[in-house]
N, C-alpha and C. Protein backbone atom coordinates (compact mmCIF):
# COMPACT_ATOMS: atom_id res chain seq x y z
N MET A 1 34.18 100.25 15.80
CA MET A 1 33.89 99.53 17.23
C MET A 1 34.70 99.63 18.44
N SER A 2 35.37 101.18 18.01
CA SER A 2 36.30 101.91 18.98
C SER A 2 35.01 101.95 20.48
N GLU A 3 33.97 102.46 20.13
CA GLU A 3 33.56 102.94 21.34
C GLU A 3 32.93 101.72 22.22
N ILE A 4 33.38 100.80 21.68
CA ILE A 4 32.59 99.78 22.82
C ILE A 4 33.55 99.26 23.78
N ASP A 5 33.52 98.89 24.85
CA ASP A 5 34.83 98.19 25.50
C ASP A 5 34.58 96.91 25.47
N GLN A 6 35.91 96.76 26.16
CA GLN A 6 36.33 94.96 25.42
C GLN A 6 35.72 94.17 26.42
N LYS A 7 35.08 94.04 27.43
CA LYS A 7 34.15 93.17 27.47
C LYS A 7 32.91 93.04 26.69
N THR A 8 32.19 93.60 26.34
CA THR A 8 31.11 93.60 25.75
C THR A 8 32.06 93.28 23.74
N GLN A 9 33.11 93.74 23.93
CA GLN A 9 33.44 93.30 22.57
C GLN A 9 33.44 91.85 22.35
N THR A 10 34.43 91.12 23.31
CA THR A 10 34.46 90.20 23.47
C THR A 10 33.13 89.06 23.69
N GLU A 11 32.31 89.80 24.85
CA GLU A 11 30.98 88.94 24.67
C GLU A 11 30.15 88.99 22.72
N LEU A 12 30.52 90.45 22.34
CA LEU A 12 29.71 90.01 20.94
C LEU A 12 30.58 89.39 20.09
N GLU A 13 31.68 89.27 20.23
CA GLU A 13 32.36 88.41 19.11
C GLU A 13 32.17 86.89 19.99
N ALA A 14 31.80 86.58 21.22
CA ALA A 14 31.70 85.16 21.45
C ALA A 14 30.11 84.59 20.61
N ALA A 15 29.35 85.59 21.29
CA ALA A 15 27.98 85.56 20.67
C ALA A 15 27.88 85.50 18.68
N VAL A 16 29.06 85.56 18.02
CA VAL A 16 29.59 85.47 16.68
C VAL A 16 29.13 84.58 16.23
N TYR A 17 30.75 83.69 17.44
CA TYR A 17 30.88 82.47 17.15
C TYR A 17 29.69 81.65 17.47
N ARG A 18 29.37 81.48 18.20
CA ARG A 18 27.77 80.69 18.73
C ARG A 18 27.22 80.72 17.53
N ARG A 19 27.02 81.24 16.95
CA ARG A 19 25.69 81.31 15.85
C ARG A 19 26.05 81.14 14.91
N LEU A 20 28.06 80.78 14.28
CA LEU A 20 28.80 80.49 13.43
C LEU A 20 28.45 78.84 13.56
N VAL A 21 29.01 78.32 14.79
CA VAL A 21 28.57 77.17 15.47
C VAL A 21 27.37 76.37 14.46
N GLU A 22 26.56 77.17 15.28
CA GLU A 22 24.86 76.83 15.04
C GLU A 22 25.21 76.50 13.89
N HIS A 23 25.23 77.70 12.90
CA HIS A 23 24.84 77.75 11.43
C HIS A 23 25.39 76.40 11.00
N LEU A 24 26.84 76.13 11.54
CA LEU A 24 26.92 75.01 10.75
C LEU A 24 26.87 73.80 10.83
N ARG A 25 26.69 73.63 12.51
CA ARG A 25 25.65 72.59 12.68
C ARG A 25 24.31 71.97 11.93
N ALA A 26 23.47 73.08 11.62
CA ALA A 26 22.60 72.74 11.00
C ALA A 26 23.05 72.78 9.37
N ARG A 27 23.98 73.12 8.62
CA ARG A 27 24.46 73.16 7.33
C ARG A 27 25.15 72.06 7.29
N THR A 28 24.36 70.79 7.79
CA THR A 28 25.49 69.68 7.46
C THR A 28 25.27 68.65 6.34
N ASP A 29 25.02 69.83 5.14
CA ASP A 29 25.11 69.62 3.64
C ASP A 29 26.08 69.99 2.88
N VAL A 30 26.68 70.84 3.63
CA VAL A 30 27.83 71.23 3.52
C VAL A 30 29.22 71.09 4.13
N GLN A 31 30.01 70.42 3.21
CA GLN A 31 31.16 69.27 3.30
C GLN A 31 32.05 70.12 3.97
N ASN A 32 32.65 70.28 4.80
CA ASN A 32 34.26 70.31 5.40
C ASN A 32 34.76 71.07 4.02
N ILE A 33 35.39 69.88 3.24
CA ILE A 33 36.04 70.18 1.86
C ILE A 33 35.84 71.38 0.97
N ASP A 34 34.00 71.62 0.83
CA ASP A 34 33.72 72.61 0.21
C ASP A 34 34.33 74.15 0.89
N LEU A 35 33.83 73.81 2.71
CA LEU A 35 34.18 74.53 3.14
C LEU A 35 35.48 75.52 2.97
N MET A 36 36.25 74.19 2.93
CA MET A 36 37.99 74.53 2.66
C MET A 36 38.28 75.33 1.17
N ASN A 37 37.75 74.72 0.15
CA ASN A 37 37.50 75.36 -0.99
C ASN A 37 37.37 76.48 -1.11
N LEU A 38 36.52 76.98 -0.57
CA LEU A 38 35.54 78.15 -0.52
C LEU A 38 35.88 79.20 0.19
N ALA A 39 36.39 78.87 1.46
CA ALA A 39 37.14 80.02 2.55
C ALA A 39 38.17 79.73 2.98
N GLY A 40 38.90 78.74 2.64
CA GLY A 40 39.90 78.04 3.18
C GLY A 40 39.97 77.80 4.78
N PHE A 41 38.93 77.35 5.18
CA PHE A 41 38.61 76.78 6.57
C PHE A 41 37.64 76.08 6.49
N CYS A 42 37.50 74.90 7.95
CA CYS A 42 36.27 74.17 7.47
C CYS A 42 35.90 74.35 9.73
N ARG A 43 34.99 73.08 9.68
CA ARG A 43 34.49 72.63 11.10
C ARG A 43 35.79 72.19 11.98
N ASN A 44 37.03 71.88 10.89
CA ASN A 44 37.89 71.05 12.12
C ASN A 44 38.84 72.86 12.09
N CYS A 45 38.99 73.19 11.32
CA CYS A 45 40.16 74.27 11.59
C CYS A 45 39.13 75.27 12.63
N LEU A 46 38.09 75.21 12.99
CA LEU A 46 37.70 75.82 13.97
C LEU A 46 37.79 74.96 15.13
N SER A 47 37.64 73.97 15.09
CA SER A 47 37.54 73.21 16.79
C SER A 47 39.49 73.05 16.71
N ASN A 48 40.25 72.87 15.88
CA ASN A 48 41.78 73.33 16.14
C ASN A 48 41.73 74.54 16.69
N TRP A 49 41.47 75.69 16.51
CA TRP A 49 41.17 77.15 16.70
C TRP A 49 41.40 77.27 18.35
N LEU A 50 39.64 76.15 18.75
CA LEU A 50 39.06 76.48 19.82
C LEU A 50 40.02 75.70 20.78
N LYS A 51 40.90 74.30 20.83
CA LYS A 51 41.81 74.04 21.18
C LYS A 51 43.22 75.11 21.54
N ASP A 52 43.56 75.32 20.93
CA ASP A 52 44.43 76.65 20.65
C ASP A 52 44.49 77.29 21.44
N ALA A 53 43.60 77.98 21.41
CA ALA A 53 42.96 79.31 22.42
C ALA A 53 43.10 78.70 23.92
N ALA A 54 42.15 77.39 24.01
CA ALA A 54 42.21 76.78 25.39
C ALA A 54 43.31 76.75 26.13
N ASP A 55 44.93 76.06 24.95
CA ASP A 55 46.15 75.49 25.24
C ASP A 55 46.78 76.75 25.99
N ALA A 56 46.66 78.17 25.21
CA ALA A 56 46.92 78.93 25.22
C ALA A 56 46.55 79.91 26.43
N LYS A 57 45.25 79.56 27.14
CA LYS A 57 44.59 79.74 28.22
C LYS A 57 45.06 78.71 29.52
N GLY A 58 45.85 77.85 29.05
CA GLY A 58 45.77 76.56 30.55
C GLY A 58 44.52 75.93 30.40
N VAL A 59 44.06 76.00 29.58
CA VAL A 59 42.86 75.27 29.77
C VAL A 59 42.80 74.22 29.37
N ALA A 60 42.53 72.30 29.96
CA ALA A 60 42.75 70.83 29.55
C ALA A 60 41.68 71.04 29.05
N MET A 61 41.90 70.93 26.95
CA MET A 61 41.12 70.71 26.21
C MET A 61 41.93 69.07 25.24
N THR A 62 40.95 68.13 25.37
CA THR A 62 41.21 67.20 23.90
C THR A 62 40.97 67.65 22.77
N LYS A 63 41.71 66.88 21.89
CA LYS A 63 40.70 67.12 20.19
C LYS A 63 39.27 66.59 20.32
N ASP A 64 39.03 66.19 20.89
CA ASP A 64 37.95 65.02 20.61
C ASP A 64 36.83 66.19 21.13
N GLU A 65 37.23 66.72 22.70
CA GLU A 65 36.27 67.77 23.29
C GLU A 65 36.16 69.14 22.52
N SER A 66 37.37 69.34 21.69
CA SER A 66 37.39 70.66 20.77
C SER A 66 36.62 70.54 19.27
N ARG A 67 36.64 69.23 19.33
CA ARG A 67 35.74 69.08 18.06
C ARG A 67 34.31 68.83 18.24
N GLU A 68 33.87 68.61 19.46
CA GLU A 68 32.34 67.91 19.81
C GLU A 68 31.97 69.18 19.98
N ALA A 69 33.18 70.52 20.73
CA ALA A 69 32.18 71.66 20.87
C ALA A 69 31.68 72.21 19.56
N VAL A 70 32.68 72.00 18.60
CA VAL A 70 31.90 72.96 17.27
C VAL A 70 30.67 71.59 16.51
N TYR A 71 31.18 70.47 16.59
CA TYR A 71 30.46 69.40 15.91
C TYR A 71 28.47 69.17 16.71
N GLY A 72 28.68 69.46 17.90
CA GLY A 72 28.03 69.17 18.53
C GLY A 72 27.47 67.97 18.61
N MET A 73 28.41 66.85 18.61
CA MET A 73 28.30 65.48 18.80
C MET A 73 29.73 65.01 18.69
N SER A 74 30.01 63.67 18.93
CA SER A 74 31.62 63.06 18.11
C SER A 74 31.95 63.22 16.72
N TYR A 75 34.00 63.69 16.93
CA TYR A 75 33.62 63.89 15.10
C TYR A 75 33.48 62.19 14.56
N GLU A 76 33.46 61.03 14.84
CA GLU A 76 33.05 60.30 14.37
C GLU A 76 31.57 60.11 13.94
N GLU A 77 30.76 60.80 15.12
CA GLU A 77 29.29 60.20 14.91
C GLU A 77 29.12 61.11 13.52
N PHE A 78 29.81 62.13 13.82
CA PHE A 78 29.50 63.47 12.79
C PHE A 78 29.89 63.18 11.05
N LYS A 79 31.00 61.88 10.91
CA LYS A 79 31.23 61.37 9.83
C LYS A 79 30.64 60.22 9.38
N SER A 80 30.06 59.77 10.65
CA SER A 80 29.28 58.34 9.59
C SER A 80 27.60 59.01 9.40
N ARG A 81 27.27 59.90 10.05
CA ARG A 81 26.06 60.54 9.59
C ARG A 81 25.72 61.79 8.48
N HIS A 82 27.07 62.19 8.05
CA HIS A 82 27.00 63.32 6.83
C HIS A 82 28.14 63.69 6.13
N GLN A 83 28.77 63.18 7.03
CA GLN A 83 30.60 63.07 6.20
C GLN A 83 30.18 62.21 4.40
N ASN A 84 30.19 62.82 3.49
CA ASN A 84 30.33 62.19 1.83
C ASN A 84 31.90 62.12 1.65
N GLU A 85 31.82 61.18 0.49
CA GLU A 85 33.66 60.96 0.02
C GLU A 85 33.36 62.33 -0.75
N ALA A 86 34.78 62.85 -1.05
CA ALA A 86 35.41 64.05 -1.93
C ALA A 86 34.91 63.10 -2.93
N SER A 87 34.14 64.54 -4.13
CA SER A 87 34.25 63.76 -5.25
C SER A 87 35.56 64.14 -6.19
N ALA A 88 35.78 63.70 -7.24
CA ALA A 88 37.23 63.87 -7.78
C ALA A 88 37.01 65.64 -7.93
N ALA A 89 35.86 66.19 -8.28
CA ALA A 89 36.13 67.69 -8.36
C ALA A 89 36.69 68.74 -6.71
N GLN A 90 36.00 67.86 -5.89
CA GLN A 90 36.31 68.32 -4.80
C GLN A 90 38.15 68.26 -4.58
N LYS A 91 38.29 67.24 -4.98
CA LYS A 91 39.72 66.59 -4.45
C LYS A 91 40.42 67.46 -5.46
N ALA A 92 40.41 68.38 -6.23
CA ALA A 92 41.56 68.75 -7.43
C ALA A 92 40.89 70.16 -7.02
N ALA A 93 39.98 70.57 -6.86
CA ALA A 93 39.96 72.10 -6.09
C ALA A 93 40.54 72.28 -4.86
N PHE A 94 40.54 71.19 -3.85
CA PHE A 94 41.72 71.43 -2.69
C PHE A 94 42.65 70.95 -3.00
N ASP A 95 43.35 70.63 -4.02
CA ASP A 95 44.87 70.48 -4.26
C ASP A 95 45.20 71.69 -4.76
N LYS A 96 44.57 72.47 -5.33
CA LYS A 96 44.29 73.69 -6.28
C LYS A 96 45.07 74.33 -5.49
N SER A 97 43.78 74.37 -4.24
CA SER A 97 43.95 75.99 -3.61
C SER A 97 44.95 75.64 -2.20
N GLN A 98 45.59 74.46 -2.61
CA GLN A 98 46.68 74.16 -1.38
C GLN A 98 47.77 74.41 -2.31
N GLY A 99 47.93 75.02 -3.47
CA GLY A 99 49.14 74.67 -4.21
C GLY A 99 49.53 73.42 -4.79
N HIS A 100 49.27 72.23 -4.61
CA HIS A 100 49.90 70.96 -4.78
C HIS A 100 49.69 70.82 -6.54
């Protein structure tokens, strides 16, 4: 990508981010704990990173706003619609991945 100007690179990266968020919104069957166990990040991480970026730029954004930007709805609504209780196996895998 060395021949791409910075503006175009930023636009491409933004498009990838939007596609990732769109994909995660469509794949509500994939639980956050599964994402954490496999990839080391989840929807909450993305929303936290978005808020961190906003904070770094001096853009006012609440945690709830960043979560809604990622989830496409409030976090509470997402949890009630799509989040299941983590199984013992999921919890054990998470603890192992976190070094607990």
